[in-house]
N, C-alpha and C. Protein backbone atom coordinates (compact mmCIF):
# COMPACT_ATOMS: atom_id res chain seq x y z
N MET A 1 103.12 134.90 136.69
CA MET A 1 104.15 134.47 135.77
C MET A 1 103.74 133.12 135.19
N HIS A 2 103.87 132.96 133.90
CA HIS A 2 103.47 131.72 133.23
C HIS A 2 104.70 130.98 132.76
N ASP A 3 104.78 129.72 133.13
CA ASP A 3 105.88 128.85 132.69
C ASP A 3 105.36 128.06 131.49
N HIS A 4 105.81 128.42 130.29
CA HIS A 4 105.30 127.80 129.07
C HIS A 4 105.63 126.33 128.97
N ASN A 5 106.70 125.88 129.60
CA ASN A 5 107.08 124.47 129.53
C ASN A 5 106.18 123.60 130.38
N SER A 6 105.78 124.08 131.53
CA SER A 6 105.00 123.24 132.42
C SER A 6 103.50 123.47 132.30
N GLY A 7 103.11 124.60 131.69
CA GLY A 7 101.69 124.90 131.61
C GLY A 7 101.12 125.35 132.94
N ILE A 8 101.95 125.95 133.78
CA ILE A 8 101.52 126.36 135.11
C ILE A 8 101.61 127.87 135.23
N PHE A 9 100.60 128.46 135.84
CA PHE A 9 100.60 129.88 136.11
C PHE A 9 100.92 130.06 137.58
N ARG A 10 101.92 130.86 137.87
CA ARG A 10 102.31 131.10 139.25
C ARG A 10 101.86 132.50 139.65
N GLY A 11 101.09 132.57 140.72
CA GLY A 11 100.62 133.86 141.22
C GLY A 11 101.79 134.70 141.72
N SER A 12 101.70 136.02 141.54
CA SER A 12 102.81 136.87 141.93
C SER A 12 102.45 137.77 143.10
N ALA A 13 101.33 137.53 143.75
CA ALA A 13 100.90 138.38 144.85
C ALA A 13 101.49 137.92 146.17
N GLY A 14 102.74 137.50 146.15
CA GLY A 14 103.42 137.11 147.36
C GLY A 14 103.15 135.69 147.79
N GLY A 15 102.18 135.04 147.18
CA GLY A 15 101.85 133.67 147.56
C GLY A 15 102.50 132.67 146.63
N GLU A 16 102.38 131.42 146.99
CA GLU A 16 102.91 130.33 146.18
C GLU A 16 101.79 129.61 145.45
N GLU A 17 100.68 130.31 145.25
CA GLU A 17 99.53 129.71 144.60
C GLU A 17 99.89 129.26 143.19
N VAL A 18 99.54 128.03 142.88
CA VAL A 18 99.81 127.48 141.55
C VAL A 18 98.49 127.04 140.95
N THR A 19 98.19 127.57 139.78
CA THR A 19 96.95 127.24 139.10
C THR A 19 97.27 126.64 137.74
N PRO A 20 96.76 125.43 137.47
CA PRO A 20 97.04 124.83 136.17
C PRO A 20 96.37 125.61 135.04
N VAL A 21 97.07 125.71 133.93
CA VAL A 21 96.56 126.38 132.74
C VAL A 21 96.67 125.39 131.60
N HIS A 22 95.66 125.34 130.76
CA HIS A 22 95.70 124.42 129.62
C HIS A 22 96.82 124.83 128.68
N ASN A 23 97.68 123.89 128.39
CA ASN A 23 98.78 124.12 127.47
C ASN A 23 98.62 123.11 126.33
N PRO A 24 98.08 123.55 125.18
CA PRO A 24 97.82 122.62 124.09
C PRO A 24 99.08 121.95 123.55
N VAL A 25 100.21 122.64 123.57
CA VAL A 25 101.45 122.03 123.08
C VAL A 25 101.85 120.87 124.00
N ALA A 26 101.79 121.09 125.29
CA ALA A 26 102.12 120.02 126.24
C ALA A 26 101.13 118.87 126.11
N SER A 27 99.88 119.17 125.85
CA SER A 27 98.87 118.12 125.68
C SER A 27 99.16 117.26 124.45
N VAL A 28 99.54 117.91 123.35
CA VAL A 28 99.88 117.17 122.13
C VAL A 28 101.14 116.34 122.35
N ASP A 29 102.14 116.93 123.01
CA ASP A 29 103.36 116.18 123.31
C ASP A 29 103.05 114.94 124.14
N ALA A 30 102.16 115.06 125.10
CA ALA A 30 101.78 113.92 125.93
C ALA A 30 101.12 112.83 125.09
N LEU A 31 100.28 113.21 124.13
CA LEU A 31 99.66 112.23 123.25
C LEU A 31 100.71 111.50 122.41
N LEU A 32 101.64 112.26 121.86
CA LEU A 32 102.69 111.65 121.04
C LEU A 32 103.58 110.75 121.87
N ASP A 33 103.95 111.20 123.06
CA ASP A 33 104.82 110.42 123.93
C ASP A 33 104.17 109.12 124.38
N ALA A 34 102.87 109.14 124.56
CA ALA A 34 102.16 107.94 125.02
C ALA A 34 102.24 106.83 123.99
N HIS A 35 102.42 107.19 122.73
CA HIS A 35 102.47 106.21 121.66
C HIS A 35 103.81 106.24 120.94
N ALA A 36 104.88 106.47 121.72
CA ALA A 36 106.21 106.56 121.13
C ALA A 36 106.53 105.29 120.36
N PRO A 37 106.91 105.43 119.09
CA PRO A 37 107.25 104.26 118.29
C PRO A 37 108.56 103.63 118.77
N LEU A 38 108.62 102.33 118.71
CA LEU A 38 109.83 101.61 119.09
C LEU A 38 110.42 100.93 117.87
N LEU A 39 111.73 100.88 117.82
CA LEU A 39 112.40 100.15 116.75
C LEU A 39 112.11 98.66 116.92
N PRO A 40 112.26 97.87 115.86
CA PRO A 40 111.99 96.44 115.95
C PRO A 40 112.87 95.75 116.99
N THR A 41 112.33 94.68 117.56
CA THR A 41 113.08 93.95 118.58
C THR A 41 114.40 93.42 118.04
N SER A 42 114.48 93.15 116.75
CA SER A 42 115.70 92.59 116.16
C SER A 42 116.91 93.52 116.27
N VAL A 43 116.68 94.83 116.50
CA VAL A 43 117.81 95.76 116.58
C VAL A 43 118.02 96.33 117.99
N ARG A 44 117.11 96.10 118.89
CA ARG A 44 117.20 96.73 120.22
C ARG A 44 118.46 96.28 120.97
N GLY A 45 118.65 94.99 121.13
CA GLY A 45 119.83 94.48 121.82
C GLY A 45 121.12 94.81 121.09
N PRO A 46 121.17 94.56 119.77
CA PRO A 46 122.38 94.90 119.02
C PRO A 46 122.76 96.39 119.11
N LEU A 47 121.78 97.28 119.11
CA LEU A 47 122.09 98.70 119.26
C LEU A 47 122.69 98.99 120.63
N ARG A 48 122.10 98.42 121.65
CA ARG A 48 122.61 98.62 123.01
C ARG A 48 124.05 98.11 123.11
N ARG A 49 124.28 96.92 122.59
CA ARG A 49 125.63 96.34 122.65
C ARG A 49 126.63 97.15 121.83
N ALA A 50 126.21 97.65 120.67
CA ALA A 50 127.09 98.47 119.83
C ALA A 50 127.54 99.73 120.57
N ALA A 51 126.69 100.22 121.46
CA ALA A 51 127.02 101.41 122.24
C ALA A 51 127.82 101.06 123.49
N GLY A 52 128.04 99.76 123.73
CA GLY A 52 128.79 99.34 124.91
C GLY A 52 128.00 99.45 126.19
N LEU A 53 126.69 99.39 126.09
CA LEU A 53 125.83 99.50 127.27
C LEU A 53 125.34 98.12 127.71
N THR A 54 125.18 97.97 129.00
CA THR A 54 124.60 96.73 129.54
C THR A 54 123.11 96.94 129.76
N GLN A 55 122.39 95.84 129.89
CA GLN A 55 120.97 95.94 130.20
C GLN A 55 120.78 96.65 131.53
N ARG A 56 121.67 96.40 132.49
CA ARG A 56 121.57 97.06 133.80
C ARG A 56 121.73 98.58 133.66
N GLN A 57 122.68 99.03 132.85
CA GLN A 57 122.87 100.47 132.67
C GLN A 57 121.63 101.12 132.08
N VAL A 58 121.06 100.48 131.07
CA VAL A 58 119.85 101.02 130.46
C VAL A 58 118.72 101.02 131.48
N ALA A 59 118.57 99.93 132.20
CA ALA A 59 117.51 99.82 133.20
C ALA A 59 117.65 100.90 134.27
N ASP A 60 118.86 101.10 134.75
CA ASP A 60 119.09 102.11 135.79
C ASP A 60 118.68 103.50 135.31
N LYS A 61 119.02 103.83 134.08
CA LYS A 61 118.68 105.16 133.54
C LYS A 61 117.18 105.32 133.32
N LEU A 62 116.50 104.22 132.99
CA LEU A 62 115.06 104.28 132.73
C LEU A 62 114.23 104.07 133.99
N GLY A 63 114.88 103.64 135.06
CA GLY A 63 114.14 103.42 136.31
C GLY A 63 113.34 102.13 136.29
N VAL A 64 113.88 101.10 135.63
CA VAL A 64 113.21 99.79 135.57
C VAL A 64 114.21 98.72 135.97
N GLN A 65 113.75 97.50 136.06
CA GLN A 65 114.62 96.37 136.36
C GLN A 65 115.29 95.88 135.07
N PRO A 66 116.50 95.33 135.18
CA PRO A 66 117.16 94.78 133.98
C PRO A 66 116.31 93.73 133.26
N LEU A 67 115.52 92.99 134.00
CA LEU A 67 114.64 91.99 133.37
C LEU A 67 113.66 92.65 132.40
N SER A 68 113.20 93.86 132.73
CA SER A 68 112.30 94.58 131.83
C SER A 68 112.99 94.87 130.50
N VAL A 69 114.23 95.35 130.57
CA VAL A 69 114.98 95.64 129.34
C VAL A 69 115.16 94.37 128.54
N LYS A 70 115.49 93.27 129.22
CA LYS A 70 115.66 91.99 128.53
C LYS A 70 114.37 91.59 127.81
N ARG A 71 113.24 91.77 128.46
CA ARG A 71 111.94 91.41 127.86
C ARG A 71 111.59 92.34 126.71
N TRP A 72 111.94 93.63 126.83
CA TRP A 72 111.68 94.58 125.74
C TRP A 72 112.53 94.22 124.53
N GLU A 73 113.77 93.84 124.78
CA GLU A 73 114.66 93.49 123.66
C GLU A 73 114.22 92.20 122.97
N SER A 74 113.70 91.27 123.73
CA SER A 74 113.29 89.98 123.15
C SER A 74 111.92 90.07 122.49
N GLY A 75 111.16 91.10 122.83
CA GLY A 75 109.80 91.22 122.31
C GLY A 75 108.77 90.49 123.14
N ALA A 76 109.20 89.94 124.29
CA ALA A 76 108.26 89.24 125.16
C ALA A 76 107.16 90.19 125.65
N VAL A 77 107.55 91.43 125.92
CA VAL A 77 106.60 92.48 126.31
C VAL A 77 107.09 93.80 125.71
N GLU A 78 106.22 94.76 125.66
CA GLU A 78 106.56 96.11 125.21
C GLU A 78 106.41 97.05 126.40
N PRO A 79 107.23 98.10 126.45
CA PRO A 79 107.04 99.07 127.52
C PRO A 79 105.67 99.71 127.42
N ARG A 80 105.04 99.91 128.57
CA ARG A 80 103.73 100.57 128.59
C ARG A 80 103.86 102.03 128.18
N ALA A 81 102.76 102.59 127.70
CA ALA A 81 102.73 104.00 127.31
C ALA A 81 103.12 104.85 128.52
N GLY A 82 103.87 105.89 128.26
CA GLY A 82 104.27 106.79 129.32
C GLY A 82 105.72 107.23 129.16
N LEU A 83 106.24 107.83 130.21
CA LEU A 83 107.57 108.41 130.15
C LEU A 83 108.67 107.38 129.91
N LYS A 84 108.54 106.20 130.50
CA LYS A 84 109.60 105.19 130.32
C LYS A 84 109.63 104.70 128.88
N ARG A 85 108.47 104.52 128.28
CA ARG A 85 108.42 104.11 126.88
C ARG A 85 109.01 105.21 126.00
N THR A 86 108.67 106.45 126.30
CA THR A 86 109.20 107.57 125.54
C THR A 86 110.72 107.63 125.66
N ALA A 87 111.22 107.48 126.87
CA ALA A 87 112.66 107.52 127.09
C ALA A 87 113.35 106.36 126.36
N TYR A 88 112.76 105.17 126.41
CA TYR A 88 113.34 104.01 125.73
C TYR A 88 113.34 104.23 124.22
N SER A 89 112.27 104.77 123.70
CA SER A 89 112.18 105.07 122.27
C SER A 89 113.27 106.07 121.87
N ARG A 90 113.45 107.11 122.67
CA ARG A 90 114.48 108.11 122.37
C ARG A 90 115.87 107.50 122.44
N LEU A 91 116.09 106.63 123.41
CA LEU A 91 117.38 105.96 123.51
C LEU A 91 117.65 105.14 122.24
N LEU A 92 116.67 104.34 121.83
CA LEU A 92 116.85 103.52 120.63
C LEU A 92 117.10 104.37 119.39
N GLN A 93 116.35 105.46 119.25
CA GLN A 93 116.54 106.34 118.09
C GLN A 93 117.93 106.97 118.11
N GLY A 94 118.37 107.40 119.29
CA GLY A 94 119.70 107.99 119.40
C GLY A 94 120.79 106.98 119.10
N LEU A 95 120.62 105.75 119.59
CA LEU A 95 121.62 104.71 119.31
C LEU A 95 121.63 104.37 117.83
N ALA A 96 120.46 104.36 117.19
CA ALA A 96 120.38 104.07 115.75
C ALA A 96 121.11 105.14 114.95
N GLN A 97 121.03 106.39 115.38
CA GLN A 97 121.74 107.46 114.68
C GLN A 97 123.25 107.32 114.84
N ARG A 98 123.68 106.87 116.02
CA ARG A 98 125.12 106.72 116.28
C ARG A 98 125.69 105.43 115.69
N HIS A 99 124.83 104.44 115.50
CA HIS A 99 125.28 103.14 115.02
C HIS A 99 124.39 102.65 113.86
N PRO A 100 124.37 103.39 112.75
CA PRO A 100 123.51 103.00 111.63
C PRO A 100 123.89 101.64 111.05
N GLU A 101 125.13 101.22 111.26
CA GLU A 101 125.58 99.93 110.73
C GLU A 101 124.75 98.78 111.30
N VAL A 102 124.26 98.94 112.52
CA VAL A 102 123.43 97.89 113.14
C VAL A 102 122.12 97.76 112.36
N ILE A 103 121.51 98.87 112.03
CA ILE A 103 120.25 98.86 111.28
C ILE A 103 120.49 98.28 109.88
N ILE A 104 121.55 98.72 109.23
CA ILE A 104 121.87 98.28 107.87
C ILE A 104 122.12 96.76 107.84
N SER A 105 122.88 96.28 108.81
CA SER A 105 123.21 94.84 108.82
C SER A 105 121.98 93.98 109.06
N ARG A 106 120.99 94.51 109.74
CA ARG A 106 119.76 93.75 110.02
C ARG A 106 118.80 93.78 108.85
N GLN A 107 119.01 94.69 107.92
CA GLN A 107 118.13 94.78 106.75
C GLN A 107 118.58 93.89 105.61
N SER A 108 119.85 93.46 105.65
CA SER A 108 120.36 92.64 104.54
C SER A 108 120.09 91.19 104.72
């Protein structure tokens, strides 16, 4: 049985043998996720606040320390490539869709 989402082939002969199979879609997704674009630092904190979220809440969901979120918002550091960066990027994009006024006010 082949799981298209994970790229894993599971043997069906009564065993639990798992053999990796190349999944080009998953490989491309991994490349894109590694370089997830982030919104400018000028809108990161305002978007979070517009959604009524604290740095601690964001940190807890991303599996990082609140200080990391504070540094990401200030631009002192950027999240490293990987799942946490991808998740943070998705959070920012989702917040921007829900609170476009934050983006608009920062452009004027």
